[in-house]
Amino acid sequence: MKRFLLLLALVNAIIGTIILSQSSVKNPHGKLQWDCQDCHTTESWSEMRDSLLFDHATTGFALVGAHAAADCIGCHKEPVFRNVAVSCVDCHADQHNVNS
């Protein structure tokens, strides 16, 4: 019985260490509510999934029209995704010179 309890304590310690080490990894995108695997493959962090599990509409900025075909890096120049402007003139030239 003592051996079993000792083995159980050891397994719990190992699992606890793994969980703590995973939760302490700093996410380069800042605080996100999505899992890494929603966008990245398990083979490489730099490789993106062919079909993202992430729904951009949940951010309050749905990708419609030409935005749906844009590459992520086209808008997200920095890895912290919350640092993206959402006004049209932040990315597009003002054809009507309204903001001149």
N, C-alpha and C. Protein backbone atom coordinates (compact mmCIF):
# COMPACT_ATOMS: atom_id res chain seq x y z
N MET A 1 0.83 -1.20 0.00
CA MET A 1 0.00 0.00 0.00
C MET A 1 0.87 1.26 0.00
N LYS A 2 1.97 1.22 0.77
CA LYS A 2 2.86 2.39 0.81
C LYS A 2 3.50 2.64 -0.55
N ARG A 3 3.86 1.55 -1.21
CA ARG A 3 4.44 1.68 -2.56
C ARG A 3 3.46 2.33 -3.51
N PHE A 4 2.21 1.90 -3.43
CA PHE A 4 1.18 2.46 -4.30
C PHE A 4 1.01 3.95 -4.04
N LEU A 5 0.93 4.35 -2.79
CA LEU A 5 0.78 5.77 -2.45
C LEU A 5 2.00 6.58 -2.88
N LEU A 6 3.17 6.00 -2.73
CA LEU A 6 4.39 6.68 -3.16
C LEU A 6 4.40 6.84 -4.68
N LEU A 7 4.01 5.81 -5.40
CA LEU A 7 3.93 5.88 -6.86
C LEU A 7 2.88 6.91 -7.29
N LEU A 8 1.75 6.91 -6.63
CA LEU A 8 0.70 7.87 -6.94
C LEU A 8 1.18 9.31 -6.69
N ALA A 9 1.89 9.53 -5.61
CA ALA A 9 2.42 10.87 -5.32
C ALA A 9 3.44 11.29 -6.38
N LEU A 10 4.26 10.36 -6.81
CA LEU A 10 5.25 10.65 -7.84
C LEU A 10 4.59 11.00 -9.17
N VAL A 11 3.58 10.25 -9.56
CA VAL A 11 2.85 10.53 -10.80
C VAL A 11 2.19 11.91 -10.71
N ASN A 12 1.57 12.23 -9.59
CA ASN A 12 0.93 13.54 -9.41
C ASN A 12 1.96 14.66 -9.49
N ALA A 13 3.13 14.46 -8.93
CA ALA A 13 4.18 15.48 -8.98
C ALA A 13 4.65 15.71 -10.41
N ILE A 14 4.80 14.63 -11.17
CA ILE A 14 5.23 14.75 -12.56
C ILE A 14 4.17 15.47 -13.38
N ILE A 15 2.93 15.08 -13.23
CA ILE A 15 1.84 15.73 -13.97
C ILE A 15 1.73 17.20 -13.58
N GLY A 16 1.85 17.50 -12.31
CA GLY A 16 1.80 18.89 -11.86
C GLY A 16 2.91 19.72 -12.45
N THR A 17 4.11 19.16 -12.54
CA THR A 17 5.25 19.87 -13.13
C THR A 17 5.01 20.15 -14.60
N ILE A 18 4.47 19.18 -15.32
CA ILE A 18 4.17 19.36 -16.74
C ILE A 18 3.13 20.46 -16.93
N ILE A 19 2.08 20.44 -16.14
CA ILE A 19 1.03 21.45 -16.26
C ILE A 19 1.57 22.84 -15.95
N LEU A 20 2.37 22.97 -14.90
CA LEU A 20 2.95 24.27 -14.56
C LEU A 20 3.90 24.77 -15.64
N SER A 21 4.68 23.88 -16.21
CA SER A 21 5.63 24.32 -17.24
C SER A 21 4.89 24.77 -18.50
N GLN A 22 3.79 24.13 -18.82
CA GLN A 22 3.01 24.54 -20.00
C GLN A 22 2.30 25.86 -19.76
N SER A 23 1.80 26.09 -18.57
CA SER A 23 1.07 27.32 -18.30
C SER A 23 1.99 28.51 -18.15
N SER A 24 3.28 28.28 -17.94
CA SER A 24 4.20 29.39 -17.76
C SER A 24 4.86 29.81 -19.08
N VAL A 25 4.55 29.13 -20.17
CA VAL A 25 5.09 29.51 -21.47
C VAL A 25 4.45 30.81 -21.90
N LYS A 26 5.28 31.78 -22.26
CA LYS A 26 4.76 33.09 -22.67
C LYS A 26 4.26 33.01 -24.10
N ASN A 27 3.02 33.40 -24.30
CA ASN A 27 2.41 33.39 -25.62
C ASN A 27 2.86 34.64 -26.37
N PRO A 28 3.48 34.52 -27.54
CA PRO A 28 3.94 35.69 -28.28
C PRO A 28 2.80 36.56 -28.81
N HIS A 29 1.57 36.05 -28.77
CA HIS A 29 0.42 36.80 -29.26
C HIS A 29 -0.29 37.56 -28.15
N GLY A 30 0.21 37.49 -26.95
CA GLY A 30 -0.48 38.11 -25.83
C GLY A 30 -1.53 37.17 -25.28
N LYS A 31 -2.44 37.71 -24.51
CA LYS A 31 -3.48 36.88 -23.90
C LYS A 31 -4.57 36.60 -24.94
N LEU A 32 -4.75 35.32 -25.23
CA LEU A 32 -5.77 34.90 -26.21
C LEU A 32 -6.72 33.92 -25.57
N GLN A 33 -7.91 33.84 -26.11
CA GLN A 33 -8.90 32.88 -25.61
C GLN A 33 -8.95 31.62 -26.47
N TRP A 34 -8.06 31.52 -27.44
CA TRP A 34 -8.05 30.38 -28.36
C TRP A 34 -6.83 29.53 -28.11
N ASP A 35 -6.93 28.25 -28.48
CA ASP A 35 -5.81 27.33 -28.36
C ASP A 35 -4.83 27.54 -29.51
N CYS A 36 -3.57 27.29 -29.27
CA CYS A 36 -2.53 27.43 -30.30
C CYS A 36 -2.89 26.59 -31.54
N GLN A 37 -3.41 25.39 -31.30
CA GLN A 37 -3.72 24.47 -32.39
C GLN A 37 -4.89 24.94 -33.26
N ASP A 38 -5.59 25.99 -32.86
CA ASP A 38 -6.66 26.53 -33.70
C ASP A 38 -6.08 27.16 -34.97
N CYS A 39 -4.83 27.59 -34.91
CA CYS A 39 -4.17 28.23 -36.06
C CYS A 39 -2.90 27.51 -36.50
N HIS A 40 -2.14 26.99 -35.54
CA HIS A 40 -0.85 26.37 -35.83
C HIS A 40 -0.96 24.85 -35.91
N THR A 41 -0.04 24.25 -36.65
CA THR A 41 0.03 22.78 -36.68
C THR A 41 0.84 22.31 -35.49
N THR A 42 0.77 21.04 -35.20
CA THR A 42 1.57 20.49 -34.12
C THR A 42 2.99 20.16 -34.56
N GLU A 43 3.24 20.22 -35.86
CA GLU A 43 4.58 19.93 -36.38
C GLU A 43 5.51 21.13 -36.24
N SER A 44 4.96 22.34 -36.36
CA SER A 44 5.81 23.54 -36.33
C SER A 44 4.95 24.75 -35.97
N TRP A 45 5.49 25.61 -35.10
CA TRP A 45 4.75 26.83 -34.74
C TRP A 45 4.71 27.81 -35.90
N SER A 46 5.67 27.75 -36.80
CA SER A 46 5.67 28.68 -37.92
C SER A 46 4.77 28.22 -39.06
N GLU A 47 4.35 26.97 -39.00
CA GLU A 47 3.46 26.43 -40.04
C GLU A 47 2.01 26.58 -39.59
N MET A 48 1.20 27.20 -40.47
CA MET A 48 -0.20 27.42 -40.15
C MET A 48 -1.05 26.26 -40.68
N ARG A 49 -2.17 26.02 -40.01
CA ARG A 49 -3.10 24.98 -40.46
C ARG A 49 -3.68 25.38 -41.82
N ASP A 50 -4.00 24.41 -42.65
CA ASP A 50 -4.64 24.69 -43.93
C ASP A 50 -6.03 25.28 -43.72
N SER A 51 -6.74 24.74 -42.76
CA SER A 51 -8.07 25.21 -42.44
C SER A 51 -8.08 25.63 -40.97
N LEU A 52 -8.08 26.94 -40.73
CA LEU A 52 -8.01 27.43 -39.35
C LEU A 52 -9.29 27.08 -38.60
N LEU A 53 -9.14 26.70 -37.35
CA LEU A 53 -10.29 26.42 -36.50
C LEU A 53 -10.77 27.70 -35.82
N PHE A 54 -10.02 28.76 -35.99
CA PHE A 54 -10.30 30.05 -35.39
C PHE A 54 -11.32 30.81 -36.23
N ASP A 55 -12.36 31.34 -35.60
CA ASP A 55 -13.38 32.13 -36.28
C ASP A 55 -13.14 33.60 -36.00
N HIS A 56 -12.66 34.34 -36.99
CA HIS A 56 -12.29 35.74 -36.82
C HIS A 56 -13.48 36.60 -36.39
N ALA A 57 -14.69 36.19 -36.71
CA ALA A 57 -15.88 36.96 -36.32
C ALA A 57 -16.02 37.07 -34.81
N THR A 58 -15.44 36.14 -34.07
CA THR A 58 -15.53 36.19 -32.60
C THR A 58 -14.70 37.32 -32.02
N THR A 59 -13.89 37.99 -32.83
CA THR A 59 -13.08 39.12 -32.36
C THR A 59 -13.83 40.45 -32.47
N GLY A 60 -14.98 40.45 -33.14
CA GLY A 60 -15.70 41.68 -33.38
C GLY A 60 -15.33 42.31 -34.71
N PHE A 61 -14.46 41.66 -35.47
CA PHE A 61 -14.06 42.14 -36.79
C PHE A 61 -14.15 40.96 -37.76
N ALA A 62 -15.35 40.75 -38.26
CA ALA A 62 -15.57 39.64 -39.19
C ALA A 62 -14.84 39.91 -40.50
N LEU A 63 -14.26 38.88 -41.07
CA LEU A 63 -13.54 39.02 -42.34
C LEU A 63 -14.52 38.79 -43.48
N VAL A 64 -14.95 39.90 -44.09
CA VAL A 64 -15.89 39.83 -45.21
C VAL A 64 -15.25 40.47 -46.43
N GLY A 65 -15.76 40.13 -47.60
CA GLY A 65 -15.23 40.68 -48.83
C GLY A 65 -13.77 40.31 -49.03
N ALA A 66 -12.97 41.27 -49.48
CA ALA A 66 -11.55 41.03 -49.74
C ALA A 66 -10.78 40.70 -48.46
N HIS A 67 -11.29 41.12 -47.31
CA HIS A 67 -10.61 40.81 -46.05
C HIS A 67 -10.56 39.30 -45.80
N ALA A 68 -11.55 38.57 -46.29
CA ALA A 68 -11.59 37.12 -46.08
C ALA A 68 -10.46 36.42 -46.81
N ALA A 69 -9.97 37.01 -47.90
CA ALA A 69 -8.90 36.40 -48.68
C ALA A 69 -7.51 36.91 -48.28
N ALA A 70 -7.46 37.90 -47.40
CA ALA A 70 -6.18 38.49 -47.00
C ALA A 70 -5.38 37.52 -46.12
N ASP A 71 -4.06 37.56 -46.26
CA ASP A 71 -3.19 36.80 -45.38
C ASP A 71 -3.19 37.45 -43.99
N CYS A 72 -3.08 36.66 -42.96
CA CYS A 72 -3.07 37.18 -41.58
C CYS A 72 -2.00 38.27 -41.42
N ILE A 73 -0.82 38.03 -41.95
CA ILE A 73 0.31 38.94 -41.80
C ILE A 73 0.05 40.29 -42.49
N GLY A 74 -0.92 40.33 -43.40
CA GLY A 74 -1.25 41.58 -44.06
C GLY A 74 -1.77 42.63 -43.09
N CYS A 75 -2.46 42.19 -42.06
CA CYS A 75 -3.00 43.11 -41.04
C CYS A 75 -2.23 43.01 -39.73
N HIS A 76 -1.82 41.80 -39.40
CA HIS A 76 -1.13 41.57 -38.13
C HIS A 76 0.38 41.63 -38.34
N LYS A 77 0.91 42.85 -38.36
CA LYS A 77 2.35 43.06 -38.58
C LYS A 77 3.16 42.64 -37.37
N GLU A 78 2.56 42.71 -36.20
CA GLU A 78 3.19 42.32 -34.94
C GLU A 78 2.49 41.07 -34.42
N PRO A 79 3.17 40.27 -33.63
CA PRO A 79 2.54 39.04 -33.14
C PRO A 79 1.42 39.26 -32.12
N VAL A 80 1.37 40.43 -31.47
CA VAL A 80 0.29 40.69 -30.52
C VAL A 80 -0.91 41.19 -31.31
N PHE A 81 -1.89 40.34 -31.47
CA PHE A 81 -3.00 40.60 -32.38
C PHE A 81 -3.91 41.74 -31.94
N ARG A 82 -3.94 42.04 -30.66
CA ARG A 82 -4.79 43.13 -30.18
C ARG A 82 -4.27 44.50 -30.65
N ASN A 83 -3.04 44.56 -31.15
CA ASN A 83 -2.45 45.82 -31.59
C ASN A 83 -2.74 46.13 -33.05
N VAL A 84 -3.89 45.75 -33.53
CA VAL A 84 -4.25 45.99 -34.93
C VAL A 84 -5.35 47.05 -34.98
N ALA A 85 -5.12 48.06 -35.79
CA ALA A 85 -6.13 49.10 -35.96
C ALA A 85 -7.28 48.56 -36.80
N VAL A 86 -8.47 49.09 -36.60
CA VAL A 86 -9.64 48.57 -37.31
C VAL A 86 -10.34 49.62 -38.18
N SER A 87 -9.80 50.81 -38.24
CA SER A 87 -10.37 51.85 -39.09
C SER A 87 -9.88 51.64 -40.52
N CYS A 88 -10.72 51.88 -41.49
CA CYS A 88 -10.37 51.66 -42.90
C CYS A 88 -9.09 52.41 -43.29
N VAL A 89 -8.98 53.69 -42.88
CA VAL A 89 -7.83 54.51 -43.30
C VAL A 89 -6.52 54.09 -42.62
N ASP A 90 -6.60 53.20 -41.64
CA ASP A 90 -5.37 52.69 -41.03
C ASP A 90 -4.60 51.81 -42.01
N CYS A 91 -5.30 51.21 -42.96
CA CYS A 91 -4.66 50.32 -43.93
C CYS A 91 -4.85 50.79 -45.37
N HIS A 92 -5.96 51.46 -45.63
CA HIS A 92 -6.31 51.83 -47.00
C HIS A 92 -6.15 53.33 -47.21
N ALA A 93 -5.73 53.71 -48.41
CA ALA A 93 -5.62 55.12 -48.76
C ALA A 93 -7.02 55.73 -48.79
N ASP A 94 -7.12 56.97 -48.33
CA ASP A 94 -8.40 57.68 -48.33
C ASP A 94 -8.62 58.26 -49.72
N GLN A 95 -9.38 57.57 -50.53
CA GLN A 95 -9.62 57.97 -51.92
C GLN A 95 -10.42 59.26 -52.04
N HIS A 96 -11.14 59.62 -50.98
CA HIS A 96 -12.00 60.79 -51.03
C HIS A 96 -11.38 61.99 -50.33
N ASN A 97 -10.17 61.83 -49.80
CA ASN A 97 -9.43 62.88 -49.09
C ASN A 97 -10.26 63.48 -47.94
N VAL A 98 -11.06 62.66 -47.29
CA VAL A 98 -11.87 63.11 -46.17
C VAL A 98 -11.00 63.43 -44.96
N ASN A 99 -9.97 62.65 -44.77
CA ASN A 99 -9.11 62.84 -43.61
C ASN A 99 -7.85 63.62 -43.92
N SER A 100 -7.85 64.45 -44.92
CA SER A 100 -6.67 65.24 -45.28
C SER A 100 -6.64 66.53 -44.51
